[in-house]
Amino acid sequence: MNTPEPTTSPKIEEPKFGFNDYAERLNGRAAMVGFVITLAIEIFTGQGLLSWLGLQ
């Protein structure tokens, strides 16, 4: 059977929630910033993060 191919492809919008590229990129950047801030706290105070927060 000879089926015709579509002439245009549908425009699918990027999902606003869930595992999409933007959300994953934003989560990765937030994790890197948090890690650097935690390292800075440990270097400048000489204590771990939990000790600095008074939780340990």
PDB file of N, CA and C in Angstrom:
ATOM      1  N   MET A   1       0.825  -1.174   0.000  1.00  0.00           N
ATOM      2  CA  MET A   1       0.000   0.000   0.000  1.00  0.00           C
ATOM      3  C   MET A   1       0.877   1.248   0.000  1.00  0.00           C
ATOM      4  N   ASN A   2       0.487   2.234  -0.714  1.00  0.00           N
ATOM      5  CA  ASN A   2       1.241   3.475  -0.798  1.00  0.00           C
ATOM      6  C   ASN A   2       0.533   4.547   0.032  1.00  0.00           C
ATOM      7  N   THR A   3       1.089   4.843   1.228  1.00  0.00           N
ATOM      8  CA  THR A   3       0.473   5.846   2.098  1.00  0.00           C
ATOM      9  C   THR A   3       1.172   7.183   1.908  1.00  0.00           C
ATOM     10  N   PRO A   4       0.413   8.246   1.793  1.00  0.00           N
ATOM     11  CA  PRO A   4       1.041   9.555   1.619  1.00  0.00           C
ATOM     12  C   PRO A   4       1.696  10.026   2.915  1.00  0.00           C
ATOM     13  N   GLU A   5       2.821  10.678   2.776  1.00  0.00           N
ATOM     14  CA  GLU A   5       3.529  11.242   3.925  1.00  0.00           C
ATOM     15  C   GLU A   5       2.929  12.611   4.261  1.00  0.00           C
ATOM     16  N   PRO A   6       2.893  12.963   5.551  1.00  0.00           N
ATOM     17  CA  PRO A   6       2.369  14.291   5.900  1.00  0.00           C
ATOM     18  C   PRO A   6       3.300  15.393   5.395  1.00  0.00           C
ATOM     19  N   THR A   7       2.713  16.524   5.046  1.00  0.00           N
ATOM     20  CA  THR A   7       3.512  17.628   4.510  1.00  0.00           C
ATOM     21  C   THR A   7       4.098  18.506   5.617  1.00  0.00           C
ATOM     22  N   THR A   8       3.436  18.553   6.757  1.00  0.00           N
ATOM     23  CA  THR A   8       3.956  19.347   7.878  1.00  0.00           C
ATOM     24  C   THR A   8       3.937  18.486   9.133  1.00  0.00           C
ATOM     25  N   SER A   9       4.824  18.811  10.052  1.00  0.00           N
ATOM     26  CA  SER A   9       4.824  18.088  11.322  1.00  0.00           C
ATOM     27  C   SER A   9       4.121  18.940  12.366  1.00  0.00           C
ATOM     28  N   PRO A  10       3.449  18.309  13.324  1.00  0.00           N
ATOM     29  CA  PRO A  10       2.714  19.085  14.334  1.00  0.00           C
ATOM     30  C   PRO A  10       3.670  19.817  15.265  1.00  0.00           C
ATOM     31  N   LYS A  11       3.245  20.979  15.727  1.00  0.00           N
ATOM     32  CA  LYS A  11       4.034  21.744  16.683  1.00  0.00           C
ATOM     33  C   LYS A  11       3.619  21.310  18.083  1.00  0.00           C
ATOM     34  N   ILE A  12       4.527  20.627  18.759  1.00  0.00           N
ATOM     35  CA  ILE A  12       4.251  20.139  20.099  1.00  0.00           C
ATOM     36  C   ILE A  12       4.904  21.089  21.090  1.00  0.00           C
ATOM     37  N   GLU A  13       4.100  21.612  22.011  1.00  0.00           N
ATOM     38  CA  GLU A  13       4.630  22.551  22.996  1.00  0.00           C
ATOM     39  C   GLU A  13       5.435  21.803  24.051  1.00  0.00           C
ATOM     40  N   GLU A  14       6.451  22.474  24.570  1.00  0.00           N
ATOM     41  CA  GLU A  14       7.255  21.923  25.661  1.00  0.00           C
ATOM     42  C   GLU A  14       6.366  21.837  26.901  1.00  0.00           C
ATOM     43  N   PRO A  15       6.398  20.708  27.620  1.00  0.00           N
ATOM     44  CA  PRO A  15       5.551  20.608  28.813  1.00  0.00           C
ATOM     45  C   PRO A  15       5.946  21.630  29.877  1.00  0.00           C
ATOM     46  N   LYS A  16       4.962  22.161  30.573  1.00  0.00           N
ATOM     47  CA  LYS A  16       5.227  23.177  31.583  1.00  0.00           C
ATOM     48  C   LYS A  16       5.650  22.557  32.913  1.00  0.00           C
ATOM     49  N   PHE A  17       5.289  21.302  33.162  1.00  0.00           N
ATOM     50  CA  PHE A  17       5.616  20.616  34.402  1.00  0.00           C
ATOM     51  C   PHE A  17       6.312  19.306  34.077  1.00  0.00           C
ATOM     52  N   GLY A  18       7.002  18.750  35.074  1.00  0.00           N
ATOM     53  CA  GLY A  18       7.609  17.434  34.889  1.00  0.00           C
ATOM     54  C   GLY A  18       9.047  17.520  34.424  1.00  0.00           C
ATOM     55  N   PHE A  19       9.526  16.415  33.877  1.00  0.00           N
ATOM     56  CA  PHE A  19      10.918  16.293  33.467  1.00  0.00           C
ATOM     57  C   PHE A  19      11.112  16.870  32.071  1.00  0.00           C
ATOM     58  N   ASN A  20      11.314  18.175  31.979  1.00  0.00           N
ATOM     59  CA  ASN A  20      11.643  18.772  30.693  1.00  0.00           C
ATOM     60  C   ASN A  20      13.033  19.390  30.792  1.00  0.00           C
ATOM     61  N   ASP A  21      13.584  19.791  29.674  1.00  0.00           N
ATOM     62  CA  ASP A  21      14.962  20.280  29.649  1.00  0.00           C
ATOM     63  C   ASP A  21      15.158  21.510  30.531  1.00  0.00           C
ATOM     64  N   TYR A  22      14.206  22.435  30.500  1.00  0.00           N
ATOM     65  CA  TYR A  22      14.354  23.663  31.277  1.00  0.00           C
ATOM     66  C   TYR A  22      14.371  23.363  32.778  1.00  0.00           C
ATOM     67  N   ALA A  23      13.455  22.519  33.237  1.00  0.00           N
ATOM     68  CA  ALA A  23      13.384  22.197  34.662  1.00  0.00           C
ATOM     69  C   ALA A  23      14.646  21.478  35.124  1.00  0.00           C
ATOM     70  N   GLU A  24      15.139  20.566  34.318  1.00  0.00           N
ATOM     71  CA  GLU A  24      16.345  19.832  34.695  1.00  0.00           C
ATOM     72  C   GLU A  24      17.568  20.751  34.732  1.00  0.00           C
ATOM     73  N   ARG A  25      17.654  21.673  33.795  1.00  0.00           N
ATOM     74  CA  ARG A  25      18.765  22.626  33.779  1.00  0.00           C
ATOM     75  C   ARG A  25      18.704  23.532  35.007  1.00  0.00           C
ATOM     76  N   LEU A  26      17.511  23.995  35.340  1.00  0.00           N
ATOM     77  CA  LEU A  26      17.339  24.866  36.501  1.00  0.00           C
ATOM     78  C   LEU A  26      17.674  24.123  37.796  1.00  0.00           C
ATOM     79  N   ASN A  27      17.244  22.873  37.920  1.00  0.00           N
ATOM     80  CA  ASN A  27      17.556  22.085  39.115  1.00  0.00           C
ATOM     81  C   ASN A  27      19.056  21.856  39.246  1.00  0.00           C
ATOM     82  N   GLY A  28      19.719  21.593  38.140  1.00  0.00           N
ATOM     83  CA  GLY A  28      21.168  21.389  38.172  1.00  0.00           C
ATOM     84  C   GLY A  28      21.906  22.634  38.605  1.00  0.00           C
ATOM     85  N   ARG A  29      21.479  23.770  38.103  1.00  0.00           N
ATOM     86  CA  ARG A  29      22.124  25.033  38.479  1.00  0.00           C
ATOM     87  C   ARG A  29      21.894  25.348  39.944  1.00  0.00           C
ATOM     88  N   ALA A  30      20.687  25.118  40.428  1.00  0.00           N
ATOM     89  CA  ALA A  30      20.389  25.368  41.843  1.00  0.00           C
ATOM     90  C   ALA A  30      21.222  24.454  42.736  1.00  0.00           C
ATOM     91  N   ALA A  31      21.407  23.200  42.326  1.00  0.00           N
ATOM     92  CA  ALA A  31      22.216  22.268  43.105  1.00  0.00           C
ATOM     93  C   ALA A  31      23.674  22.720  43.145  1.00  0.00           C
ATOM     94  N   MET A  32      24.190  23.203  42.011  1.00  0.00           N
ATOM     95  CA  MET A  32      25.583  23.673  41.980  1.00  0.00           C
ATOM     96  C   MET A  32      25.775  24.897  42.872  1.00  0.00           C
ATOM     97  N   VAL A  33      24.831  25.823  42.844  1.00  0.00           N
ATOM     98  CA  VAL A  33      24.921  27.021  43.682  1.00  0.00           C
ATOM     99  C   VAL A  33      24.867  26.618  45.154  1.00  0.00           C
ATOM    100  N   GLY A  34      23.970  25.717  45.509  1.00  0.00           N
ATOM    101  CA  GLY A  34      23.870  25.258  46.894  1.00  0.00           C
ATOM    102  C   GLY A  34      25.132  24.568  47.361  1.00  0.00           C
ATOM    103  N   PHE A  35      25.749  23.784  46.492  1.00  0.00           N
ATOM    104  CA  PHE A  35      26.980  23.098  46.845  1.00  0.00           C
ATOM    105  C   PHE A  35      28.106  24.093  47.089  1.00  0.00           C
ATOM    106  N   VAL A  36      28.218  25.097  46.243  1.00  0.00           N
ATOM    107  CA  VAL A  36      29.261  26.112  46.402  1.00  0.00           C
ATOM    108  C   VAL A  36      29.028  26.922  47.678  1.00  0.00           C
ATOM    109  N   ILE A  37      27.788  27.257  47.974  1.00  0.00           N
ATOM    110  CA  ILE A  37      27.487  27.997  49.208  1.00  0.00           C
ATOM    111  C   ILE A  37      27.835  27.158  50.435  1.00  0.00           C
ATOM    112  N   THR A  38      27.533  25.862  50.396  1.00  0.00           N
ATOM    113  CA  THR A  38      27.873  24.971  51.503  1.00  0.00           C
ATOM    114  C   THR A  38      29.382  24.896  51.699  1.00  0.00           C
ATOM    115  N   LEU A  39      30.130  24.782  50.606  1.00  0.00           N
ATOM    116  CA  LEU A  39      31.591  24.780  50.711  1.00  0.00           C
ATOM    117  C   LEU A  39      32.111  26.086  51.289  1.00  0.00           C
ATOM    118  N   ALA A  40      31.551  27.201  50.856  1.00  0.00           N
ATOM    119  CA  ALA A  40      31.989  28.505  51.362  1.00  0.00           C
ATOM    120  C   ALA A  40      31.725  28.627  52.861  1.00  0.00           C
ATOM    121  N   ILE A  41      30.585  28.152  53.324  1.00  0.00           N
ATOM    122  CA  ILE A  41      30.274  28.192  54.757  1.00  0.00           C
ATOM    123  C   ILE A  41      31.290  27.373  55.539  1.00  0.00           C
ATOM    124  N   GLU A  42      31.615  26.183  55.021  1.00  0.00           N
ATOM    125  CA  GLU A  42      32.579  25.335  55.719  1.00  0.00           C
ATOM    126  C   GLU A  42      33.971  25.951  55.731  1.00  0.00           C
ATOM    127  N   ILE A  43      34.365  26.597  54.654  1.00  0.00           N
ATOM    128  CA  ILE A  43      35.700  27.203  54.589  1.00  0.00           C
ATOM    129  C   ILE A  43      35.787  28.413  55.511  1.00  0.00           C
ATOM    130  N   PHE A  44      34.811  29.303  55.481  1.00  0.00           N
ATOM    131  CA  PHE A  44      34.892  30.550  56.229  1.00  0.00           C
ATOM    132  C   PHE A  44      34.588  30.394  57.713  1.00  0.00           C
ATOM    133  N   THR A  45      33.751  29.417  58.097  1.00  0.00           N
ATOM    134  CA  THR A  45      33.413  29.265  59.513  1.00  0.00           C
ATOM    135  C   THR A  45      34.206  28.162  60.189  1.00  0.00           C
ATOM    136  N   GLY A  46      34.757  27.241  59.425  1.00  0.00           N
ATOM    137  CA  GLY A  46      35.484  26.124  60.012  1.00  0.00           C
ATOM    138  C   GLY A  46      34.565  25.058  60.577  1.00  0.00           C
ATOM    139  N   GLN A  47      33.282  25.163  60.328  1.00  0.00           N
ATOM    140  CA  GLN A  47      32.303  24.189  60.810  1.00  0.00           C
ATOM    141  C   GLN A  47      31.575  23.592  59.614  1.00  0.00           C
ATOM    142  N   GLY A  48      30.989  22.420  59.838  1.00  0.00           N
ATOM    143  CA  GLY A  48      30.139  21.845  58.813  1.00  0.00           C
ATOM    144  C   GLY A  48      28.815  22.589  58.749  1.00  0.00           C
ATOM    145  N   LEU A  49      28.048  22.356  57.723  1.00  0.00           N
ATOM    146  CA  LEU A  49      26.775  23.075  57.544  1.00  0.00           C
ATOM    147  C   LEU A  49      25.807  22.801  58.687  1.00  0.00           C
ATOM    148  N   LEU A  50      25.685  21.547  59.108  1.00  0.00           N
ATOM    149  CA  LEU A  50      24.749  21.225  60.187  1.00  0.00           C
ATOM    150  C   LEU A  50      25.177  21.861  61.507  1.00  0.00           C
ATOM    151  N   SER A  51      26.486  21.881  61.780  1.00  0.00           N
ATOM    152  CA  SER A  51      26.974  22.529  62.995  1.00  0.00           C
ATOM    153  C   SER A  51      26.737  24.037  62.933  1.00  0.00           C
ATOM    154  N   TRP A  52      26.970  24.619  61.759  1.00  0.00           N
ATOM    155  CA  TRP A  52      26.769  26.050  61.580  1.00  0.00           C
ATOM    156  C   TRP A  52      25.297  26.430  61.791  1.00  0.00           C
ATOM    157  N   LEU A  53      24.393  25.540  61.374  1.00  0.00           N
ATOM    158  CA  LEU A  53      22.963  25.792  61.554  1.00  0.00           C
ATOM    159  C   LEU A  53      22.498  25.477  62.969  1.00  0.00           C
ATOM    160  N   GLY A  54      23.364  24.831  63.767  1.00  0.00           N
ATOM    161  CA  GLY A  54      22.989  24.474  65.136  1.00  0.00           C
ATOM    162  C   GLY A  54      22.173  23.210  65.222  1.00  0.00           C
ATOM    163  N   LEU A  55      22.272  22.353  64.230  1.00  0.00           N
ATOM    164  CA  LEU A  55      21.482  21.120  64.208  1.00  0.00           C
ATOM    165  C   LEU A  55      22.271  19.905  64.671  1.00  0.00           C
ATOM    166  N   GLN A  56      23.528  20.079  64.975  1.00  0.00           N
ATOM    167  CA  GLN A  56      24.318  18.924  65.377  1.00  0.00           C
ATOM    168  C   GLN A  56      25.139  19.253  66.587  1.00  0.00           C
TER     169      GLN A  56
END
